[in-house]
N, C-alpha and C. Protein backbone atom coordinates (compact mmCIF):
# COMPACT_ATOMS: atom_id res chain seq x y z
N UNK A 1 58.56 -253.53 44.71
CA UNK A 1 59.45 -252.76 43.85
C UNK A 1 58.55 -251.82 43.26
N UNK A 2 57.22 -251.70 43.39
CA UNK A 2 56.40 -250.94 42.56
C UNK A 2 56.15 -249.69 43.18
N UNK A 3 55.79 -250.02 44.33
CA UNK A 3 55.53 -248.90 45.30
C UNK A 3 56.67 -247.72 45.60
N UNK A 4 57.90 -248.05 45.78
CA UNK A 4 58.77 -247.26 45.56
C UNK A 4 58.84 -246.17 44.55
N UNK A 5 58.57 -246.96 43.19
CA UNK A 5 58.76 -246.36 41.98
C UNK A 5 57.46 -245.12 41.79
N UNK A 6 56.12 -245.51 42.41
CA UNK A 6 55.30 -244.72 42.77
C UNK A 6 55.59 -243.81 43.58
N UNK A 7 56.06 -244.02 44.74
CA UNK A 7 56.77 -242.83 45.67
C UNK A 7 57.65 -241.81 44.90
N UNK A 8 58.39 -242.35 44.30
CA UNK A 8 59.48 -241.40 43.61
C UNK A 8 58.99 -240.57 42.65
N UNK A 9 57.84 -241.15 41.84
CA UNK A 9 57.38 -240.41 40.87
C UNK A 9 56.45 -239.18 41.44
N UNK A 10 55.54 -239.50 42.62
CA UNK A 10 54.96 -238.87 43.29
C UNK A 10 56.05 -237.43 43.93
N UNK A 11 56.97 -237.81 44.12
CA UNK A 11 57.69 -236.87 44.73
C UNK A 11 58.38 -235.95 43.85
N UNK A 12 58.50 -236.51 42.54
CA UNK A 12 59.16 -235.92 41.56
C UNK A 12 57.97 -234.81 40.96
N UNK A 13 56.64 -235.27 41.07
CA UNK A 13 55.63 -234.34 40.65
C UNK A 13 55.42 -233.07 41.71
N UNK A 14 55.64 -233.54 42.95
CA UNK A 14 55.39 -232.61 43.84
C UNK A 14 56.56 -231.62 43.83
N UNK A 15 57.62 -231.89 43.71
CA UNK A 15 58.75 -231.09 43.41
C UNK A 15 58.55 -230.22 42.30
N UNK A 16 58.11 -230.79 41.12
CA UNK A 16 57.70 -229.93 39.97
C UNK A 16 56.71 -228.99 40.08
N UNK A 17 55.58 -229.21 41.11
CA UNK A 17 54.91 -228.19 41.16
C UNK A 17 55.06 -227.13 41.95
N UNK A 18 55.94 -227.54 43.00
CA UNK A 18 56.42 -226.50 43.85
C UNK A 18 57.59 -225.37 43.30
N UNK A 19 58.04 -226.18 42.37
CA UNK A 19 59.35 -225.23 41.35
C UNK A 19 58.50 -224.25 40.38
N UNK A 20 57.33 -224.86 39.82
CA UNK A 20 56.33 -224.18 39.42
C UNK A 20 55.87 -222.90 39.82
N UNK A 21 55.22 -223.36 40.96
CA UNK A 21 54.65 -222.24 41.79
C UNK A 21 55.58 -221.22 42.21
N UNK A 22 56.91 -221.51 42.48
CA UNK A 22 57.75 -220.49 42.76
C UNK A 22 58.08 -219.88 41.92
N UNK A 23 58.19 -220.28 40.52
CA UNK A 23 58.48 -219.48 39.50
C UNK A 23 57.09 -218.49 39.21
N UNK A 24 56.20 -218.97 39.28
CA UNK A 24 54.75 -217.74 39.09
C UNK A 24 54.95 -216.91 40.11
N UNK A 25 55.29 -217.30 41.41
CA UNK A 25 55.47 -216.11 42.17
C UNK A 25 56.32 -215.05 42.03
N UNK A 26 57.92 -215.73 41.45
CA UNK A 26 58.78 -215.04 40.95
C UNK A 26 58.73 -213.82 40.13
N UNK A 27 57.50 -214.25 38.87
CA UNK A 27 56.94 -213.79 37.93
C UNK A 27 56.25 -212.88 38.47
N UNK A 28 55.26 -212.81 39.49
CA UNK A 28 54.67 -211.93 40.00
C UNK A 28 55.00 -210.61 40.52
N UNK A 29 56.26 -211.27 41.30
CA UNK A 29 57.23 -210.16 42.19
C UNK A 29 58.03 -209.23 41.01
N UNK A 30 58.01 -210.05 40.20
CA UNK A 30 59.11 -209.22 38.77
C UNK A 30 58.15 -208.08 38.29
N UNK A 31 56.86 -208.66 38.08
CA UNK A 31 55.99 -207.93 37.29
C UNK A 31 55.54 -206.69 38.02
N UNK A 32 55.52 -206.89 39.66
CA UNK A 32 55.09 -205.64 40.35
C UNK A 32 56.27 -204.83 40.59
N UNK A 33 57.33 -205.46 40.70
CA UNK A 33 58.54 -204.34 41.02
C UNK A 33 58.54 -203.55 39.44
N UNK A 34 58.27 -204.15 38.27
CA UNK A 34 58.45 -203.56 37.10
C UNK A 34 57.47 -202.39 36.92
N UNK A 35 56.17 -202.62 37.45
CA UNK A 35 55.14 -201.48 37.56
C UNK A 35 55.72 -200.38 38.65
N UNK A 36 55.84 -200.50 39.77
CA UNK A 36 56.34 -199.69 40.84
C UNK A 36 57.42 -198.76 40.16
N UNK A 37 58.53 -199.48 39.53
CA UNK A 37 59.72 -198.62 38.96
C UNK A 37 58.98 -197.74 37.82
N UNK A 38 58.08 -198.36 36.84
CA UNK A 38 57.65 -197.40 35.75
C UNK A 38 56.96 -196.38 36.64
N UNK A 39 56.11 -196.49 37.76
CA UNK A 39 55.29 -195.21 38.49
C UNK A 39 56.32 -194.39 39.01
N UNK A 40 57.40 -194.83 39.39
CA UNK A 40 58.42 -193.69 39.98
C UNK A 40 59.15 -193.14 39.04
N UNK A 41 59.26 -193.90 37.81
CA UNK A 41 59.59 -192.87 36.87
C UNK A 41 58.90 -191.83 36.20
N UNK A 42 57.55 -192.18 36.29
CA UNK A 42 56.74 -191.41 35.72
C UNK A 42 56.56 -190.04 36.70
N UNK A 43 56.40 -190.53 37.96
CA UNK A 43 56.36 -189.01 38.92
C UNK A 43 57.58 -188.43 39.15
N UNK A 44 58.76 -189.02 38.75
CA UNK A 44 60.23 -188.47 38.65
C UNK A 44 59.72 -187.17 37.51
N UNK A 45 59.58 -187.81 36.43
CA UNK A 45 59.53 -186.95 35.23
C UNK A 45 58.32 -185.81 35.31
N UNK A 46 57.04 -185.78 36.24
CA UNK A 46 56.24 -185.05 36.38
C UNK A 46 56.71 -183.95 37.37
N UNK A 47 57.59 -184.38 38.62
CA UNK A 47 58.35 -183.60 39.25
C UNK A 47 59.36 -182.66 38.50
N UNK A 48 60.19 -183.31 38.11
CA UNK A 48 61.26 -182.54 37.21
C UNK A 48 60.36 -181.49 36.35
N UNK A 49 59.45 -181.60 35.54
CA UNK A 49 58.70 -180.68 34.87
C UNK A 49 58.03 -179.66 35.77
N UNK A 50 57.44 -180.16 36.79
CA UNK A 50 56.92 -178.94 37.93
C UNK A 50 58.22 -177.88 38.09
N UNK A 51 59.42 -178.92 38.29
CA UNK A 51 60.38 -177.71 38.96
C UNK A 51 61.11 -177.06 37.87
N UNK A 52 60.91 -177.27 36.55
CA UNK A 52 61.40 -176.69 35.63
C UNK A 52 60.49 -175.60 35.07
N UNK A 53 59.21 -175.77 35.35
CA UNK A 53 58.10 -174.53 35.29
C UNK A 53 58.55 -173.53 36.50
N UNK A 54 58.46 -174.02 37.55
CA UNK A 54 58.95 -173.16 38.68
C UNK A 54 59.78 -172.29 38.78
N UNK A 55 60.89 -172.84 37.94
CA UNK A 55 62.20 -172.27 37.89
C UNK A 55 62.18 -171.13 36.55
N UNK A 56 61.39 -171.32 35.88
CA UNK A 56 60.93 -170.43 34.54
C UNK A 56 60.32 -169.20 35.07
N UNK A 57 59.36 -169.36 36.03
CA UNK A 57 58.64 -168.22 36.60
C UNK A 57 59.33 -167.54 37.67
N UNK A 58 60.35 -167.85 38.32
CA UNK A 58 61.05 -167.27 39.19
C UNK A 58 61.83 -166.69 38.51
N UNK A 59 62.61 -167.11 37.53
CA UNK A 59 63.40 -166.47 36.40
C UNK A 59 62.68 -165.18 35.60
N UNK A 60 61.34 -165.28 35.43
CA UNK A 60 60.75 -164.20 34.88
C UNK A 60 60.24 -162.97 35.71
N UNK A 61 59.90 -163.58 36.98
CA UNK A 61 59.67 -162.52 37.95
C UNK A 61 60.89 -161.90 38.32
N UNK A 62 61.97 -162.20 38.51
CA UNK A 62 63.29 -161.78 38.98
C UNK A 62 63.99 -160.61 37.77
N UNK A 63 63.56 -161.23 36.50
CA UNK A 63 63.75 -160.35 35.67
C UNK A 63 62.88 -158.92 35.47
N UNK A 64 61.93 -159.01 35.79
CA UNK A 64 60.89 -157.87 35.76
C UNK A 64 60.94 -157.07 36.90
N UNK A 65 61.64 -157.75 38.15
CA UNK A 65 61.54 -156.91 39.37
C UNK A 65 60.00 -156.33 39.68
N UNK A 66 60.17 -154.96 40.25
CA UNK A 66 59.15 -154.05 40.69
C UNK A 66 58.50 -153.65 39.59
N UNK A 67 58.99 -153.77 38.29
CA UNK A 67 58.45 -153.30 37.14
C UNK A 67 57.37 -153.83 36.70
N UNK A 68 57.10 -155.11 37.43
CA UNK A 68 56.02 -155.68 36.99
C UNK A 68 54.62 -155.19 37.42
N UNK A 69 54.63 -154.40 38.35
CA UNK A 69 53.47 -153.79 38.92
C UNK A 69 53.13 -152.51 37.64
N UNK A 70 53.96 -152.07 37.16
CA UNK A 70 53.50 -151.06 35.98
C UNK A 70 52.73 -151.40 34.98
N UNK A 71 52.75 -153.00 34.74
CA UNK A 71 52.02 -153.58 33.61
C UNK A 71 50.87 -154.11 34.17
N UNK A 72 50.37 -153.94 35.35
CA UNK A 72 49.28 -154.18 35.91
C UNK A 72 48.42 -153.14 36.40
N UNK A 73 46.98 -153.50 36.36
CA UNK A 73 46.15 -152.43 37.26
C UNK A 73 46.23 -152.95 38.57
N UNK A 74 46.28 -151.90 39.30
CA UNK A 74 46.37 -151.97 41.06
C UNK A 74 45.90 -150.65 41.37
N UNK A 75 45.50 -151.15 42.98
CA UNK A 75 44.82 -149.94 43.47
C UNK A 75 45.84 -148.72 44.01
N UNK A 76 45.55 -147.36 43.68
CA UNK A 76 46.61 -146.45 44.02
C UNK A 76 45.61 -145.77 45.13
N UNK A 77 44.49 -145.81 45.43
CA UNK A 77 43.17 -145.17 46.35
C UNK A 77 42.40 -145.69 46.28
N UNK A 78 41.17 -145.64 47.29
CA UNK A 78 40.18 -145.61 47.52
C UNK A 78 39.10 -144.42 47.52
N UNK A 79 37.99 -144.47 47.01
CA UNK A 79 36.97 -143.13 47.62
C UNK A 79 35.43 -143.96 47.86
N UNK A 80 34.80 -142.96 48.62
CA UNK A 80 33.61 -143.55 49.08
C UNK A 80 32.49 -142.77 48.07
N UNK A 81 31.49 -143.85 47.65
CA UNK A 81 30.65 -143.35 46.58
C UNK A 81 29.53 -142.72 47.46
N UNK A 82 28.93 -141.35 46.55
CA UNK A 82 28.06 -140.11 47.08
C UNK A 82 26.88 -140.63 47.57
N UNK A 83 26.35 -142.18 47.54
CA UNK A 83 25.30 -142.58 48.14
C UNK A 83 26.04 -143.33 49.77
N UNK A 84 26.91 -143.13 49.88
CA UNK A 84 27.39 -143.42 51.23
C UNK A 84 26.70 -143.13 52.20
N UNK A 85 25.81 -143.61 53.33
CA UNK A 85 25.13 -142.85 54.17
C UNK A 85 24.38 -144.02 55.11
N UNK A 86 23.43 -143.05 55.93
CA UNK A 86 22.50 -143.93 56.89
C UNK A 86 21.29 -144.56 55.98
N UNK A 87 20.74 -145.46 56.63
CA UNK A 87 19.69 -146.60 55.86
C UNK A 87 18.87 -147.24 56.95
N UNK A 88 17.95 -147.66 56.40
CA UNK A 88 17.21 -148.81 57.17
C UNK A 88 17.61 -149.82 56.69
N UNK A 89 18.30 -150.60 57.23
CA UNK A 89 18.66 -152.27 56.92
C UNK A 89 17.72 -153.09 57.20
N UNK A 90 17.11 -153.12 58.29
CA UNK A 90 16.28 -154.58 58.45
C UNK A 90 14.82 -154.41 58.11
N UNK A 91 14.35 -153.00 57.33
CA UNK A 91 12.94 -153.02 57.19
C UNK A 91 12.24 -152.24 57.77
N UNK A 92 12.64 -152.18 58.89
CA UNK A 92 11.94 -151.31 60.07
C UNK A 92 11.94 -150.14 60.08
N UNK A 93 11.15 -149.36 60.79
CA UNK A 93 11.06 -147.85 60.98
C UNK A 93 12.34 -147.43 61.53
N UNK A 94 13.04 -146.44 61.08
CA UNK A 94 14.23 -145.42 61.80
C UNK A 94 15.36 -146.30 60.91
N UNK A 95 16.34 -145.52 61.04
CA UNK A 95 17.95 -145.89 60.55
C UNK A 95 18.57 -146.91 61.55
N UNK A 96 19.12 -147.72 61.01
CA UNK A 96 19.95 -148.61 62.01
C UNK A 96 21.32 -148.94 61.47
N UNK A 97 21.69 -147.98 60.73
CA UNK A 97 23.19 -148.37 60.00
C UNK A 97 23.62 -147.61 59.11
N UNK A 98 24.81 -147.91 58.54
CA UNK A 98 25.40 -147.56 57.22
C UNK A 98 25.77 -148.02 56.13
N UNK A 99 25.24 -147.89 54.84
CA UNK A 99 25.63 -148.55 53.92
C UNK A 99 26.88 -147.74 52.95
N UNK A 100 27.84 -148.67 53.06
CA UNK A 100 29.01 -148.10 52.22
C UNK A 100 29.56 -148.47 50.91
N UNK A 101 29.46 -147.47 50.24
CA UNK A 101 30.06 -147.93 48.71
C UNK A 101 31.38 -147.16 48.50
N UNK A 102 32.25 -148.40 48.04
CA UNK A 102 33.66 -148.28 48.01
C UNK A 102 34.08 -148.58 46.65
N UNK A 103 35.18 -147.47 45.82
CA UNK A 103 35.35 -147.56 44.57
C UNK A 103 36.93 -147.77 44.95
N UNK A 104 37.46 -149.01 44.42
CA UNK A 104 39.00 -149.18 44.21
C UNK A 104 39.49 -148.35 43.03
N UNK A 105 40.44 -147.15 43.06
CA UNK A 105 41.01 -146.73 41.84
C UNK A 105 42.29 -147.07 41.54
N UNK A 106 42.51 -147.07 40.24
CA UNK A 106 43.96 -147.62 39.76
C UNK A 106 44.69 -146.47 39.48
N UNK A 107 45.93 -146.69 39.09
CA UNK A 107 46.92 -145.63 38.58
C UNK A 107 46.24 -144.79 37.66
N UNK A 108 45.64 -145.07 36.70
CA UNK A 108 44.85 -144.15 35.61
C UNK A 108 43.80 -143.55 36.30
N UNK A 109 43.39 -143.72 37.29
CA UNK A 109 42.22 -143.00 37.68
C UNK A 109 40.92 -143.67 37.37
N UNK A 110 40.74 -145.03 36.82
CA UNK A 110 39.74 -145.64 36.65
C UNK A 110 39.26 -146.36 37.78
N UNK A 111 38.05 -146.82 38.08
CA UNK A 111 37.52 -147.66 39.15
C UNK A 111 37.56 -149.11 38.32
N UNK A 112 38.11 -150.16 39.22
CA UNK A 112 38.75 -151.54 39.08
C UNK A 112 38.13 -152.29 39.92
N UNK A 113 37.64 -153.40 39.56
CA UNK A 113 37.26 -154.82 40.45
C UNK A 113 38.59 -155.14 41.09
N UNK A 114 39.22 -154.57 42.31
CA UNK A 114 40.19 -155.02 42.90
C UNK A 114 39.98 -155.85 44.04
N UNK A 115 40.60 -157.21 44.24
CA UNK A 115 40.37 -158.18 45.20
C UNK A 115 40.95 -157.49 46.75
N UNK A 116 40.22 -157.54 47.67
CA UNK A 116 40.86 -156.95 48.90
C UNK A 116 39.67 -157.08 50.00
N UNK A 117 40.34 -157.05 51.00
CA UNK A 117 39.44 -157.45 52.81
C UNK A 117 39.03 -155.86 53.01
N UNK A 118 38.09 -155.41 53.72
CA UNK A 118 37.48 -154.16 54.12
C UNK A 118 37.35 -154.31 55.48
N UNK A 119 37.43 -152.89 56.33
CA UNK A 119 37.54 -152.79 57.70
C UNK A 119 36.65 -151.52 57.36
N UNK A 120 35.52 -151.50 58.06
CA UNK A 120 34.80 -150.35 58.25
C UNK A 120 34.34 -149.94 59.83
N UNK A 121 34.83 -148.51 60.15
CA UNK A 121 34.85 -148.28 61.45
C UNK A 121 33.67 -147.03 61.47
N UNK A 122 32.87 -147.20 62.64
CA UNK A 122 31.71 -146.04 62.81
C UNK A 122 32.18 -145.05 63.79
N UNK A 123 32.19 -143.85 63.79
CA UNK A 123 32.66 -143.00 64.94
C UNK A 123 31.48 -141.99 65.21
N UNK A 124 31.04 -142.14 66.69
CA UNK A 124 30.06 -140.71 66.81
C UNK A 124 30.73 -139.93 67.64
N UNK A 125 31.17 -138.71 67.18
CA UNK A 125 32.03 -137.81 67.69
C UNK A 125 31.24 -137.06 68.79
N UNK A 126 30.27 -137.31 68.65
CA UNK A 126 29.10 -136.62 69.49
C UNK A 126 29.13 -137.26 70.88
N UNK A 127 29.51 -138.44 71.04
CA UNK A 127 29.38 -139.39 72.00
C UNK A 127 30.00 -138.78 73.63
N UNK A 128 29.03 -138.97 74.61
CA UNK A 128 30.05 -138.67 75.87
C UNK A 128 30.32 -139.70 76.38
N UNK A 129 30.42 -140.91 75.53
CA UNK A 129 31.29 -142.14 76.32
C UNK A 129 32.50 -142.32 76.11
N UNK A 130 33.28 -143.08 77.23
CA UNK A 130 35.04 -143.26 76.85
C UNK A 130 35.10 -143.11 75.52
N UNK A 131 34.53 -144.08 74.58
CA UNK A 131 35.03 -144.31 73.44
C UNK A 131 34.09 -143.56 72.21
N UNK A 132 34.48 -143.35 71.23
CA UNK A 132 33.54 -142.69 70.51
C UNK A 132 33.21 -143.62 68.75
N UNK A 133 33.85 -144.67 69.00
CA UNK A 133 33.99 -145.74 68.28
C UNK A 133 32.79 -146.63 68.48
N UNK A 134 31.79 -146.42 67.66
CA UNK A 134 30.49 -147.31 68.00
C UNK A 134 30.19 -148.64 67.33
N UNK A 135 31.02 -149.05 66.34
CA UNK A 135 31.06 -150.08 65.82
C UNK A 135 32.03 -150.39 64.68
N UNK A 136 32.54 -151.58 64.39
CA UNK A 136 33.65 -152.15 63.62
C UNK A 136 32.88 -153.36 62.84
N UNK A 137 33.28 -153.26 61.69
CA UNK A 137 32.95 -154.65 60.91
C UNK A 137 34.20 -154.72 59.51
N UNK A 138 34.19 -156.25 59.81
CA UNK A 138 35.64 -156.91 59.16
C UNK A 138 34.83 -157.48 57.92
N UNK A 139 35.42 -157.56 57.07
CA UNK A 139 34.89 -158.20 55.84
C UNK A 139 36.13 -158.91 55.02
N UNK A 140 35.70 -160.05 54.87
CA UNK A 140 37.07 -160.84 54.34
C UNK A 140 36.83 -160.43 52.79
N UNK A 141 38.05 -160.89 52.01
CA UNK A 141 38.13 -160.70 50.50
C UNK A 141 37.07 -161.49 49.72
N UNK A 142 36.26 -162.49 50.35
CA UNK A 142 35.28 -163.44 49.51
C UNK A 142 34.05 -162.86 49.79
N UNK A 143 33.82 -162.38 51.17
CA UNK A 143 32.87 -161.24 51.37
C UNK A 143 32.48 -160.30 50.52
N UNK A 144 33.74 -159.52 50.37
CA UNK A 144 33.63 -158.18 49.69
C UNK A 144 33.44 -158.56 48.23
N UNK A 145 34.02 -159.66 47.53
CA UNK A 145 33.91 -159.81 46.06
C UNK A 145 32.37 -160.02 45.79
N UNK A 146 31.61 -160.60 46.53
CA UNK A 146 30.03 -160.85 46.21
C UNK A 146 29.23 -159.83 46.52
N UNK A 147 29.91 -158.46 46.76
CA UNK A 147 28.81 -157.33 47.23
C UNK A 147 29.42 -156.25 45.54
N UNK A 148 30.18 -156.85 44.52
CA UNK A 148 30.57 -155.89 43.55
C UNK A 148 29.20 -155.67 42.62
N UNK A 149 29.33 -154.29 42.03
CA UNK A 149 27.97 -153.99 41.14
C UNK A 149 28.64 -153.21 40.26
N UNK A 150 28.24 -153.57 38.78
CA UNK A 150 28.96 -152.95 37.77
C UNK A 150 27.94 -152.71 36.90
N UNK A 151 27.72 -151.54 36.32
CA UNK A 151 26.80 -151.37 35.38
C UNK A 151 26.85 -149.65 34.86
N UNK A 152 25.83 -149.07 34.64
CA UNK A 152 25.93 -147.80 34.08
C UNK A 152 25.77 -146.83 35.12
N UNK A 153 27.15 -146.14 35.18
CA UNK A 153 27.59 -145.19 36.32
C UNK A 153 27.67 -145.82 37.88
N UNK A 154 27.82 -147.35 37.72
CA UNK A 154 27.66 -147.99 39.12
C UNK A 154 28.87 -149.03 38.95
N UNK A 155 29.87 -148.64 39.66
CA UNK A 155 31.04 -149.71 39.72
C UNK A 155 31.73 -149.44 41.23
N UNK A 156 31.27 -150.21 41.99
CA UNK A 156 31.39 -150.32 43.34
C UNK A 156 31.52 -151.54 44.23
N UNK A 157 32.06 -151.62 45.45
CA UNK A 157 31.64 -152.57 46.38
C UNK A 157 30.56 -151.95 47.26
N UNK A 158 29.46 -152.87 47.80
CA UNK A 158 28.56 -152.17 48.84
C UNK A 158 28.33 -153.06 50.14
N UNK A 159 28.73 -152.33 51.43
CA UNK A 159 28.67 -152.91 52.29
C UNK A 159 27.74 -152.54 53.25
N UNK A 160 26.71 -153.11 54.13
CA UNK A 160 25.94 -152.96 55.03
C UNK A 160 26.49 -152.93 56.31
N UNK A 161 26.53 -152.04 57.13
CA UNK A 161 27.31 -151.72 58.65
C UNK A 161 26.22 -151.42 59.52
N UNK A 162 25.49 -152.19 60.31
CA UNK A 162 24.55 -151.69 61.33
C UNK A 162 25.35 -151.18 62.47
N UNK A 163 24.52 -150.38 63.24
CA UNK A 163 24.87 -150.08 64.76
C UNK A 163 25.33 -151.43 65.44
N UNK A 164 25.99 -151.50 66.42
CA UNK A 164 26.15 -152.82 67.14
C UNK A 164 25.49 -152.54 68.23
N UNK A 165 25.52 -151.82 69.53
CA UNK A 165 24.80 -152.17 70.47
C UNK A 165 23.67 -150.90 70.68
N UNK A 166 23.89 -149.84 70.13
CA UNK A 166 22.90 -148.85 70.14
C UNK A 166 23.34 -147.67 68.93
N UNK A 167 22.32 -146.71 68.64
CA UNK A 167 22.62 -145.92 67.64
C UNK A 167 23.53 -144.63 68.50
N UNK A 168 23.57 -143.88 67.47
CA UNK A 168 24.72 -142.78 67.97
C UNK A 168 23.88 -141.93 68.42
N UNK A 169 24.68 -141.09 69.24
CA UNK A 169 23.74 -139.91 70.30
C UNK A 169 23.76 -138.75 69.36
N UNK A 170 24.68 -138.51 68.51
CA UNK A 170 24.63 -137.27 67.66
C UNK A 170 23.83 -137.24 66.21
N UNK A 171 23.84 -136.47 65.54
CA UNK A 171 23.28 -136.51 64.25
C UNK A 171 24.34 -136.73 62.85
N UNK A 172 25.08 -136.93 63.34
CA UNK A 172 26.39 -137.11 62.52
C UNK A 172 27.28 -138.67 62.81
N UNK A 173 27.72 -139.34 62.06
CA UNK A 173 28.84 -140.34 62.24
C UNK A 173 30.16 -140.24 60.91
N UNK A 174 30.84 -140.62 61.51
CA UNK A 174 32.06 -140.30 60.49
C UNK A 174 32.62 -141.91 60.10
N UNK A 175 32.49 -142.20 59.02
CA UNK A 175 32.82 -143.63 58.45
C UNK A 175 34.14 -143.84 57.93
N UNK A 176 35.04 -144.56 58.58
CA UNK A 176 36.26 -144.64 58.11
C UNK A 176 36.42 -146.11 57.72
N UNK A 177 36.90 -146.41 56.30
CA UNK A 177 36.95 -147.30 55.49
C UNK A 177 38.59 -147.54 55.18
N UNK A 178 38.97 -148.86 55.53
CA UNK A 178 40.07 -149.24 55.11
C UNK A 178 40.30 -150.52 54.28
N UNK A 179 40.78 -150.71 52.99
CA UNK A 179 40.74 -151.42 52.11
C UNK A 179 42.09 -151.96 51.76
N UNK A 180 42.41 -153.23 52.06
CA UNK A 180 43.45 -153.80 52.12
C UNK A 180 43.76 -154.71 50.56
N UNK A 181 44.49 -154.35 49.70
CA UNK A 181 44.30 -155.10 48.39
C UNK A 181 45.08 -156.12 48.38
N UNK A 182 44.38 -157.22 47.90
CA UNK A 182 44.86 -158.56 47.79
C UNK A 182 46.30 -158.98 47.11
N UNK A 183 46.45 -158.17 46.25
CA UNK A 183 47.59 -158.34 45.38
C UNK A 183 48.74 -157.82 45.94
N UNK A 184 48.77 -156.68 46.33
CA UNK A 184 49.92 -156.13 46.74
C UNK A 184 50.14 -155.89 48.27
N UNK A 185 49.02 -156.10 49.00
CA UNK A 185 49.22 -156.31 50.52
C UNK A 185 48.96 -154.87 50.90
N UNK A 186 49.05 -153.58 50.30
CA UNK A 186 49.04 -152.59 50.77
C UNK A 186 47.52 -152.03 51.59
N UNK A 187 47.42 -151.14 52.21
CA UNK A 187 46.08 -150.88 52.51
C UNK A 187 45.92 -149.10 52.01
N UNK A 188 44.53 -149.04 51.97
CA UNK A 188 44.20 -147.23 51.41
C UNK A 188 42.88 -147.17 52.51
N UNK A 189 42.78 -145.99 52.87
CA UNK A 189 41.70 -145.29 53.99
C UNK A 189 41.09 -144.31 53.14
N UNK A 190 39.65 -144.40 53.51
CA UNK A 190 38.78 -142.95 53.04
C UNK A 190 37.62 -142.85 54.07
N UNK A 191 37.45 -141.42 54.49
CA UNK A 191 36.38 -141.20 55.34
C UNK A 191 35.54 -140.21 55.09
N UNK A 192 34.24 -140.23 55.57
CA UNK A 192 32.97 -139.55 55.24
C UNK A 192 32.20 -139.36 56.36
N UNK A 193 31.58 -138.20 56.22
CA UNK A 193 30.98 -137.55 57.64
C UNK A 193 29.61 -137.76 56.91
N UNK A 194 28.38 -138.62 57.71
CA UNK A 194 27.14 -139.03 57.11
C UNK A 194 26.14 -138.41 58.05
N UNK A 195 25.20 -137.92 57.35
CA UNK A 195 24.06 -137.51 58.35
C UNK A 195 23.21 -138.39 58.69
N UNK A 196 23.03 -138.83 60.14
CA UNK A 196 22.25 -139.79 60.56
C UNK A 196 20.88 -139.55 61.41
N UNK A 197 20.80 -138.15 61.18
CA UNK A 197 19.45 -137.56 62.04
C UNK A 197 18.19 -138.21 61.66
N UNK A 198 17.31 -138.35 62.45
CA UNK A 198 16.19 -139.05 62.05
C UNK A 198 15.36 -138.36 60.95
N UNK A 199 15.02 -139.13 60.22
CA UNK A 199 14.16 -138.35 58.77
C UNK A 199 12.81 -138.27 59.01
N UNK A 200 12.53 -137.51 58.26
CA UNK A 200 10.87 -136.74 58.76
C UNK A 200 10.26 -137.22 57.61
């Protein structure tokens, strides 16, 4: 008689343990679900805040229209500095390229540090070849930014442009610079005739 009682008690204990384990597992699931819901709620609030900020920015820009450029300093034209000309770039004897000094000028006539990419083309108009374009140099916005100089009477970008394959045949090179402003996407050009005759 005693053995069935013991077995019955053991069964009750096992059932209790199983139920308890199930309750613990359910509690864990509930806690995990609560955390997931809380995180989703926080993410939703953050997204709503970002959307609201974006809508405010769009509304502001729409109200300003094209007039917003009137409140900014932007490039109206570019000029080439007077020191733009032939130089010895590699430190060896002889001229081997052109150093270009670029000044972005705003709507008020002031030189400004405007972000933009640059293309420099060098033409040898005395060349007897099929093309008188002797070199093209492209500089990214990041590359141009690193060459900015500012100081007493010196506000410009300076870019070194060596000959590509061979020096020019004539004593002059036409330098054509195209500056594409990062802010407006507009391009501006300037050119200069530089003396590249051998220096004595």
